[in-house]
Amino acid sequence: MFSVLALYADSTIAATQLVISAAVIPTIWAGRKFQGVPLTSSLLLSPGLYLIAVCLASKDLPQAAATTLFGATLWGIVATQRLLQRGR
């Protein structure tokens, strides 16, 4: 059963990560006024996802690595918004 999934692992991870990343976009949009995501969450998620992206790339899963980089960048934006609002 899992051997079929393994054949499409790159595409499966990429599609899942894209959906998860898309869920962050409303948070970024709403965060222009007030960012309610805890700072520690976004500060830990962003570098963690960058590390996962490097691991995926090293395993020759380029689509999954690219979408994980996208997600890490979005969480980096969330963290930046939160840091900027914290200074106000």
PDB file of N, CA and C in Angstrom:
ATOM      1  N   MET A   1       0.803  -1.189   0.000  1.00  0.00           N
ATOM      2  CA  MET A   1       0.000   0.000   0.000  1.00  0.00           C
ATOM      3  C   MET A   1       0.857   1.269   0.000  1.00  0.00           C
ATOM      4  N   PHE A   2       1.882   1.303   0.832  1.00  0.00           N
ATOM      5  CA  PHE A   2       2.714   2.493   0.914  1.00  0.00           C
ATOM      6  C   PHE A   2       3.682   2.617  -0.255  1.00  0.00           C
ATOM      7  N   SER A   3       3.919   1.547  -0.967  1.00  0.00           N
ATOM      8  CA  SER A   3       4.832   1.626  -2.103  1.00  0.00           C
ATOM      9  C   SER A   3       4.250   2.513  -3.201  1.00  0.00           C
ATOM     10  N   VAL A   4       2.933   2.507  -3.358  1.00  0.00           N
ATOM     11  CA  VAL A   4       2.290   3.383  -4.347  1.00  0.00           C
ATOM     12  C   VAL A   4       2.453   4.833  -3.925  1.00  0.00           C
ATOM     13  N   LEU A   5       2.272   5.110  -2.640  1.00  0.00           N
ATOM     14  CA  LEU A   5       2.426   6.465  -2.131  1.00  0.00           C
ATOM     15  C   LEU A   5       3.869   6.941  -2.271  1.00  0.00           C
ATOM     16  N   ALA A   6       4.817   6.041  -2.080  1.00  0.00           N
ATOM     17  CA  ALA A   6       6.222   6.404  -2.186  1.00  0.00           C
ATOM     18  C   ALA A   6       6.582   6.867  -3.594  1.00  0.00           C
ATOM     19  N   LEU A   7       5.919   6.314  -4.603  1.00  0.00           N
ATOM     20  CA  LEU A   7       6.187   6.727  -5.987  1.00  0.00           C
ATOM     21  C   LEU A   7       5.820   8.194  -6.213  1.00  0.00           C
ATOM     22  N   TYR A   8       4.821   8.662  -5.491  1.00  0.00           N
ATOM     23  CA  TYR A   8       4.334  10.030  -5.665  1.00  0.00           C
ATOM     24  C   TYR A   8       4.617  10.893  -4.442  1.00  0.00           C
ATOM     25  N   ALA A   9       5.626  10.548  -3.682  1.00  0.00           N
ATOM     26  CA  ALA A   9       5.913  11.257  -2.431  1.00  0.00           C
ATOM     27  C   ALA A   9       6.188  12.737  -2.666  1.00  0.00           C
ATOM     28  N   ASP A  10       6.976  13.057  -3.688  1.00  0.00           N
ATOM     29  CA  ASP A  10       7.317  14.453  -3.945  1.00  0.00           C
ATOM     30  C   ASP A  10       6.061  15.280  -4.226  1.00  0.00           C
ATOM     31  N   SER A  11       5.233  14.793  -5.103  1.00  0.00           N
ATOM     32  CA  SER A  11       4.006  15.513  -5.464  1.00  0.00           C
ATOM     33  C   SER A  11       3.019  15.568  -4.297  1.00  0.00           C
ATOM     34  N   THR A  12       2.924  14.477  -3.549  1.00  0.00           N
ATOM     35  CA  THR A  12       2.001  14.425  -2.418  1.00  0.00           C
ATOM     36  C   THR A  12       2.407  15.414  -1.328  1.00  0.00           C
ATOM     37  N   ILE A  13       3.681  15.426  -0.989  1.00  0.00           N
ATOM     38  CA  ILE A  13       4.167  16.358   0.026  1.00  0.00           C
ATOM     39  C   ILE A  13       4.016  17.789  -0.470  1.00  0.00           C
ATOM     40  N   ALA A  14       4.333  18.019  -1.741  1.00  0.00           N
ATOM     41  CA  ALA A  14       4.231  19.366  -2.305  1.00  0.00           C
ATOM     42  C   ALA A  14       2.791  19.884  -2.276  1.00  0.00           C
ATOM     43  N   ALA A  15       1.857  19.049  -2.669  1.00  0.00           N
ATOM     44  CA  ALA A  15       0.448  19.469  -2.678  1.00  0.00           C
ATOM     45  C   ALA A  15      -0.047  19.743  -1.264  1.00  0.00           C
ATOM     46  N   THR A  16       0.318  18.887  -0.333  1.00  0.00           N
ATOM     47  CA  THR A  16      -0.094  19.074   1.060  1.00  0.00           C
ATOM     48  C   THR A  16       0.517  20.343   1.642  1.00  0.00           C
ATOM     49  N   GLN A  17       1.785  20.550   1.393  1.00  0.00           N
ATOM     50  CA  GLN A  17       2.465  21.732   1.915  1.00  0.00           C
ATOM     51  C   GLN A  17       1.900  23.009   1.300  1.00  0.00           C
ATOM     52  N   LEU A  18       1.506  22.945   0.045  1.00  0.00           N
ATOM     53  CA  LEU A  18       0.918  24.110  -0.616  1.00  0.00           C
ATOM     54  C   LEU A  18      -0.416  24.494   0.033  1.00  0.00           C
ATOM     55  N   VAL A  19      -1.231  23.501   0.339  1.00  0.00           N
ATOM     56  CA  VAL A  19      -2.512  23.763   1.009  1.00  0.00           C
ATOM     57  C   VAL A  19      -2.282  24.339   2.409  1.00  0.00           C
ATOM     58  N   ILE A  20      -1.340  23.770   3.130  1.00  0.00           N
ATOM     59  CA  ILE A  20      -1.026  24.270   4.473  1.00  0.00           C
ATOM     60  C   ILE A  20      -0.493  25.699   4.395  1.00  0.00           C
ATOM     61  N   SER A  21       0.360  25.977   3.426  1.00  0.00           N
ATOM     62  CA  SER A  21       0.910  27.323   3.257  1.00  0.00           C
ATOM     63  C   SER A  21      -0.171  28.320   2.873  1.00  0.00           C
ATOM     64  N   ALA A  22      -1.090  27.902   2.026  1.00  0.00           N
ATOM     65  CA  ALA A  22      -2.176  28.798   1.616  1.00  0.00           C
ATOM     66  C   ALA A  22      -3.028  29.204   2.813  1.00  0.00           C
ATOM     67  N   ALA A  23      -3.097  28.361   3.809  1.00  0.00           N
ATOM     68  CA  ALA A  23      -3.874  28.675   5.003  1.00  0.00           C
ATOM     69  C   ALA A  23      -3.238  29.799   5.819  1.00  0.00           C
ATOM     70  N   VAL A  24      -1.973  30.075   5.599  1.00  0.00           N
ATOM     71  CA  VAL A  24      -1.277  31.133   6.340  1.00  0.00           C
ATOM     72  C   VAL A  24      -1.548  32.508   5.714  1.00  0.00           C
ATOM     73  N   ILE A  25      -1.911  32.548   4.448  1.00  0.00           N
ATOM     74  CA  ILE A  25      -2.090  33.822   3.747  1.00  0.00           C
ATOM     75  C   ILE A  25      -3.131  34.725   4.420  1.00  0.00           C
ATOM     76  N   PRO A  26      -4.299  34.219   4.830  1.00  0.00           N
ATOM     77  CA  PRO A  26      -5.231  35.108   5.546  1.00  0.00           C
ATOM     78  C   PRO A  26      -4.650  35.666   6.849  1.00  0.00           C
ATOM     79  N   THR A  27      -3.803  34.902   7.503  1.00  0.00           N
ATOM     80  CA  THR A  27      -3.150  35.372   8.723  1.00  0.00           C
ATOM     81  C   THR A  27      -2.240  36.553   8.412  1.00  0.00           C
ATOM     82  N   ILE A  28      -1.515  36.457   7.305  1.00  0.00           N
ATOM     83  CA  ILE A  28      -0.640  37.554   6.889  1.00  0.00           C
ATOM     84  C   ILE A  28      -1.483  38.776   6.527  1.00  0.00           C
ATOM     85  N   TRP A  29      -2.553  38.556   5.789  1.00  0.00           N
ATOM     86  CA  TRP A  29      -3.413  39.661   5.358  1.00  0.00           C
ATOM     87  C   TRP A  29      -4.032  40.372   6.573  1.00  0.00           C
ATOM     88  N   ALA A  30      -4.552  39.609   7.510  1.00  0.00           N
ATOM     89  CA  ALA A  30      -5.157  40.194   8.707  1.00  0.00           C
ATOM     90  C   ALA A  30      -4.105  40.820   9.615  1.00  0.00           C
ATOM     91  N   GLY A  31      -2.892  40.318   9.537  1.00  0.00           N
ATOM     92  CA  GLY A  31      -1.818  40.796  10.396  1.00  0.00           C
ATOM     93  C   GLY A  31      -1.315  42.181  10.068  1.00  0.00           C
ATOM     94  N   ARG A  32      -1.803  42.746   8.950  1.00  0.00           N
ATOM     95  CA  ARG A  32      -1.388  44.110   8.628  1.00  0.00           C
ATOM     96  C   ARG A  32      -1.871  45.069   9.699  1.00  0.00           C
ATOM     97  N   LYS A  33      -2.998  44.758  10.330  1.00  0.00           N
ATOM     98  CA  LYS A  33      -3.533  45.608  11.393  1.00  0.00           C
ATOM     99  C   LYS A  33      -3.096  45.094  12.766  1.00  0.00           C
ATOM    100  N   PHE A  34      -3.264  43.801  12.979  1.00  0.00           N
ATOM    101  CA  PHE A  34      -2.862  43.203  14.246  1.00  0.00           C
ATOM    102  C   PHE A  34      -2.497  41.749  14.012  1.00  0.00           C
ATOM    103  N   GLN A  35      -1.329  41.374  14.445  1.00  0.00           N
ATOM    104  CA  GLN A  35      -0.867  40.002  14.278  1.00  0.00           C
ATOM    105  C   GLN A  35      -1.054  39.269  15.598  1.00  0.00           C
ATOM    106  N   GLY A  36      -1.974  38.311  15.628  1.00  0.00           N
ATOM    107  CA  GLY A  36      -2.285  37.607  16.860  1.00  0.00           C
ATOM    108  C   GLY A  36      -1.551  36.292  17.054  1.00  0.00           C
ATOM    109  N   VAL A  37      -0.748  35.888  16.087  1.00  0.00           N
ATOM    110  CA  VAL A  37      -0.010  34.624  16.209  1.00  0.00           C
ATOM    111  C   VAL A  37       1.119  34.819  17.216  1.00  0.00           C
ATOM    112  N   PRO A  38       1.273  33.905  18.165  1.00  0.00           N
ATOM    113  CA  PRO A  38       2.371  34.045  19.126  1.00  0.00           C
ATOM    114  C   PRO A  38       3.728  34.120  18.425  1.00  0.00           C
ATOM    115  N   LEU A  39       4.553  35.023  18.880  1.00  0.00           N
ATOM    116  CA  LEU A  39       5.849  35.246  18.269  1.00  0.00           C
ATOM    117  C   LEU A  39       6.714  33.985  18.277  1.00  0.00           C
ATOM    118  N   THR A  40       6.686  33.246  19.374  1.00  0.00           N
ATOM    119  CA  THR A  40       7.525  32.041  19.438  1.00  0.00           C
ATOM    120  C   THR A  40       7.111  31.015  18.387  1.00  0.00           C
ATOM    121  N   SER A  41       5.820  30.928  18.099  1.00  0.00           N
ATOM    122  CA  SER A  41       5.356  29.966  17.089  1.00  0.00           C
ATOM    123  C   SER A  41       5.947  30.283  15.722  1.00  0.00           C
ATOM    124  N   SER A  42       5.812  31.537  15.309  1.00  0.00           N
ATOM    125  CA  SER A  42       6.288  31.899  13.975  1.00  0.00           C
ATOM    126  C   SER A  42       7.814  31.898  13.908  1.00  0.00           C
ATOM    127  N   LEU A  43       8.463  32.282  15.005  1.00  0.00           N
ATOM    128  CA  LEU A  43       9.926  32.280  15.007  1.00  0.00           C
ATOM    129  C   LEU A  43      10.500  30.863  14.961  1.00  0.00           C
ATOM    130  N   LEU A  44       9.800  29.904  15.514  1.00  0.00           N
ATOM    131  CA  LEU A  44      10.273  28.517  15.466  1.00  0.00           C
ATOM    132  C   LEU A  44       9.889  27.820  14.160  1.00  0.00           C
ATOM    133  N   LEU A  45       8.699  28.124  13.652  1.00  0.00           N
ATOM    134  CA  LEU A  45       8.232  27.456  12.432  1.00  0.00           C
ATOM    135  C   LEU A  45       9.062  27.820  11.205  1.00  0.00           C
ATOM    136  N   SER A  46       9.390  29.076  11.063  1.00  0.00           N
ATOM    137  CA  SER A  46      10.096  29.513   9.864  1.00  0.00           C
ATOM    138  C   SER A  46      11.459  28.811   9.693  1.00  0.00           C
ATOM    139  N   PRO A  47      12.377  28.910  10.659  1.00  0.00           N
ATOM    140  CA  PRO A  47      13.656  28.211  10.465  1.00  0.00           C
ATOM    141  C   PRO A  47      13.507  26.691  10.433  1.00  0.00           C
ATOM    142  N   GLY A  48      12.523  26.173  11.189  1.00  0.00           N
ATOM    143  CA  GLY A  48      12.290  24.727  11.162  1.00  0.00           C
ATOM    144  C   GLY A  48      11.878  24.244   9.779  1.00  0.00           C
ATOM    145  N   LEU A  49      11.007  25.010   9.138  1.00  0.00           N
ATOM    146  CA  LEU A  49      10.589  24.641   7.779  1.00  0.00           C
ATOM    147  C   LEU A  49      11.729  24.799   6.781  1.00  0.00           C
ATOM    148  N   TYR A  50      12.579  25.802   6.967  1.00  0.00           N
ATOM    149  CA  TYR A  50      13.747  25.935   6.087  1.00  0.00           C
ATOM    150  C   TYR A  50      14.650  24.706   6.213  1.00  0.00           C
ATOM    151  N   LEU A  51      14.824  24.235   7.431  1.00  0.00           N
ATOM    152  CA  LEU A  51      15.644  23.039   7.650  1.00  0.00           C
ATOM    153  C   LEU A  51      15.011  21.809   6.996  1.00  0.00           C
ATOM    154  N   ILE A  52      13.703  21.666   7.144  1.00  0.00           N
ATOM    155  CA  ILE A  52      13.005  20.553   6.492  1.00  0.00           C
ATOM    156  C   ILE A  52      13.142  20.638   4.976  1.00  0.00           C
ATOM    157  N   ALA A  53      13.073  21.854   4.426  1.00  0.00           N
ATOM    158  CA  ALA A  53      13.217  22.032   2.976  1.00  0.00           C
ATOM    159  C   ALA A  53      14.593  21.568   2.498  1.00  0.00           C
ATOM    160  N   VAL A  54      15.623  21.871   3.274  1.00  0.00           N
ATOM    161  CA  VAL A  54      16.973  21.422   2.915  1.00  0.00           C
ATOM    162  C   VAL A  54      17.040  19.893   2.940  1.00  0.00           C
ATOM    163  N   CYS A  55      16.427  19.286   3.943  1.00  0.00           N
ATOM    164  CA  CYS A  55      16.410  17.823   4.030  1.00  0.00           C
ATOM    165  C   CYS A  55      15.662  17.204   2.851  1.00  0.00           C
ATOM    166  N   LEU A  56      14.524  17.805   2.479  1.00  0.00           N
ATOM    167  CA  LEU A  56      13.757  17.291   1.335  1.00  0.00           C
ATOM    168  C   LEU A  56      14.553  17.424   0.042  1.00  0.00           C
ATOM    169  N   ALA A  57      15.241  18.544  -0.105  1.00  0.00           N
ATOM    170  CA  ALA A  57      16.065  18.737  -1.308  1.00  0.00           C
ATOM    171  C   ALA A  57      17.201  17.717  -1.354  1.00  0.00           C
ATOM    172  N   SER A  58      17.771  17.412  -0.187  1.00  0.00           N
ATOM    173  CA  SER A  58      18.867  16.438  -0.156  1.00  0.00           C
ATOM    174  C   SER A  58      18.391  15.026  -0.489  1.00  0.00           C
ATOM    175  N   LYS A  59      17.090  14.770  -0.311  1.00  0.00           N
ATOM    176  CA  LYS A  59      16.506  13.473  -0.650  1.00  0.00           C
ATOM    177  C   LYS A  59      15.937  13.460  -2.057  1.00  0.00           C
ATOM    178  N   ASP A  60      16.265  14.490  -2.846  1.00  0.00           N
ATOM    179  CA  ASP A  60      15.838  14.605  -4.239  1.00  0.00           C
ATOM    180  C   ASP A  60      14.312  14.672  -4.366  1.00  0.00           C
ATOM    181  N   LEU A  61      13.719  15.553  -3.549  1.00  0.00           N
ATOM    182  CA  LEU A  61      12.286  15.839  -3.608  1.00  0.00           C
ATOM    183  C   LEU A  61      12.125  17.343  -3.851  1.00  0.00           C
ATOM    184  N   PRO A  62      12.400  17.801  -5.083  1.00  0.00           N
ATOM    185  CA  PRO A  62      12.458  19.246  -5.351  1.00  0.00           C
ATOM    186  C   PRO A  62      11.131  19.975  -5.206  1.00  0.00           C
ATOM    187  N   GLN A  63      10.029  19.355  -5.601  1.00  0.00           N
ATOM    188  CA  GLN A  63       8.730  20.023  -5.467  1.00  0.00           C
ATOM    189  C   GLN A  63       8.378  20.218  -4.001  1.00  0.00           C
ATOM    190  N   ALA A  64       8.589  19.205  -3.224  1.00  0.00           N
ATOM    191  CA  ALA A  64       8.304  19.287  -1.794  1.00  0.00           C
ATOM    192  C   ALA A  64       9.204  20.326  -1.127  1.00  0.00           C
ATOM    193  N   ALA A  65      10.468  20.370  -1.521  1.00  0.00           N
ATOM    194  CA  ALA A  65      11.393  21.355  -0.959  1.00  0.00           C
ATOM    195  C   ALA A  65      10.957  22.773  -1.319  1.00  0.00           C
ATOM    196  N   ALA A  66      10.539  22.991  -2.558  1.00  0.00           N
ATOM    197  CA  ALA A  66      10.132  24.329  -3.003  1.00  0.00           C
ATOM    198  C   ALA A  66       8.890  24.813  -2.257  1.00  0.00           C
ATOM    199  N   THR A  67       7.908  23.953  -2.106  1.00  0.00           N
ATOM    200  CA  THR A  67       6.690  24.384  -1.402  1.00  0.00           C
ATOM    201  C   THR A  67       6.943  24.560   0.094  1.00  0.00           C
ATOM    202  N   THR A  68       7.872  23.812   0.639  1.00  0.00           N
ATOM    203  CA  THR A  68       8.232  23.994   2.044  1.00  0.00           C
ATOM    204  C   THR A  68       8.981  25.307   2.226  1.00  0.00           C
ATOM    205  N   LEU A  69       9.827  25.664   1.265  1.00  0.00           N
ATOM    206  CA  LEU A  69      10.479  26.976   1.295  1.00  0.00           C
ATOM    207  C   LEU A  69       9.451  28.099   1.240  1.00  0.00           C
ATOM    208  N   PHE A  70       8.424  27.920   0.429  1.00  0.00           N
ATOM    209  CA  PHE A  70       7.345  28.894   0.326  1.00  0.00           C
ATOM    210  C   PHE A  70       6.654  29.061   1.682  1.00  0.00           C
ATOM    211  N   GLY A  71       6.338  27.949   2.312  1.00  0.00           N
ATOM    212  CA  GLY A  71       5.705  27.992   3.630  1.00  0.00           C
ATOM    213  C   GLY A  71       6.603  28.642   4.671  1.00  0.00           C
ATOM    214  N   ALA A  72       7.889  28.340   4.630  1.00  0.00           N
ATOM    215  CA  ALA A  72       8.832  28.936   5.582  1.00  0.00           C
ATOM    216  C   ALA A  72       8.903  30.448   5.397  1.00  0.00           C
ATOM    217  N   THR A  73       8.856  30.885   4.157  1.00  0.00           N
ATOM    218  CA  THR A  73       8.879  32.322   3.872  1.00  0.00           C
ATOM    219  C   THR A  73       7.614  32.995   4.396  1.00  0.00           C
ATOM    220  N   LEU A  74       6.467  32.350   4.203  1.00  0.00           N
ATOM    221  CA  LEU A  74       5.220  32.915   4.724  1.00  0.00           C
ATOM    222  C   LEU A  74       5.265  33.046   6.243  1.00  0.00           C
ATOM    223  N   TRP A  75       5.761  32.020   6.907  1.00  0.00           N
ATOM    224  CA  TRP A  75       5.859  32.098   8.374  1.00  0.00           C
ATOM    225  C   TRP A  75       6.892  33.136   8.785  1.00  0.00           C
ATOM    226  N   GLY A  76       7.906  33.347   7.972  1.00  0.00           N
ATOM    227  CA  GLY A  76       8.867  34.421   8.235  1.00  0.00           C
ATOM    228  C   GLY A  76       8.206  35.792   8.152  1.00  0.00           C
ATOM    229  N   ILE A  77       7.286  35.942   7.204  1.00  0.00           N
ATOM    230  CA  ILE A  77       6.529  37.191   7.081  1.00  0.00           C
ATOM    231  C   ILE A  77       5.665  37.399   8.326  1.00  0.00           C
ATOM    232  N   VAL A  78       5.021  36.343   8.778  1.00  0.00           N
ATOM    233  CA  VAL A  78       4.207  36.428  10.000  1.00  0.00           C
ATOM    234  C   VAL A  78       5.083  36.864  11.180  1.00  0.00           C
ATOM    235  N   ALA A  79       6.255  36.281  11.316  1.00  0.00           N
ATOM    236  CA  ALA A  79       7.163  36.630  12.415  1.00  0.00           C
ATOM    237  C   ALA A  79       7.605  38.083  12.308  1.00  0.00           C
ATOM    238  N   THR A  80       7.906  38.528  11.097  1.00  0.00           N
ATOM    239  CA  THR A  80       8.323  39.914  10.891  1.00  0.00           C
ATOM    240  C   THR A  80       7.205  40.882  11.252  1.00  0.00           C
ATOM    241  N   GLN A  81       5.975  40.559  10.828  1.00  0.00           N
ATOM    242  CA  GLN A  81       4.840  41.406  11.198  1.00  0.00           C
ATOM    243  C   GLN A  81       4.710  41.502  12.716  1.00  0.00           C
ATOM    244  N   ARG A  82       4.845  40.383  13.365  1.00  0.00           N
ATOM    245  CA  ARG A  82       4.689  40.345  14.823  1.00  0.00           C
ATOM    246  C   ARG A  82       5.800  41.160  15.499  1.00  0.00           C
ATOM    247  N   LEU A  83       7.030  41.040  14.997  1.00  0.00           N
ATOM    248  CA  LEU A  83       8.132  41.804  15.568  1.00  0.00           C
ATOM    249  C   LEU A  83       7.938  43.300  15.366  1.00  0.00           C
ATOM    250  N   LEU A  84       7.463  43.678  14.180  1.00  0.00           N
ATOM    251  CA  LEU A  84       7.220  45.097  13.891  1.00  0.00           C
ATOM    252  C   LEU A  84       6.110  45.654  14.777  1.00  0.00           C
ATOM    253  N   GLN A  85       5.068  44.862  15.028  1.00  0.00           N
ATOM    254  CA  GLN A  85       3.979  45.318  15.868  1.00  0.00           C
ATOM    255  C   GLN A  85       4.382  45.370  17.344  1.00  0.00           C
ATOM    256  N   ARG A  86       5.299  44.534  17.675  1.00  0.00           N
ATOM    257  CA  ARG A  86       5.775  44.502  19.057  1.00  0.00           C
ATOM    258  C   ARG A  86       6.524  45.796  19.391  1.00  0.00           C
ATOM    259  N   GLY A  87       7.192  46.360  18.383  1.00  0.00           N
ATOM    260  CA  GLY A  87       7.951  47.583  18.586  1.00  0.00           C
ATOM    261  C   GLY A  87       7.089  48.829  18.673  1.00  0.00           C
ATOM    262  N   ARG A  88       5.813  48.745  18.308  1.00  0.00           N
ATOM    263  CA  ARG A  88       4.937  49.925  18.339  1.00  0.00           C
ATOM    264  C   ARG A  88       4.503  50.277  19.729  1.00  0.00           C
TER     265      ARG A  88
END
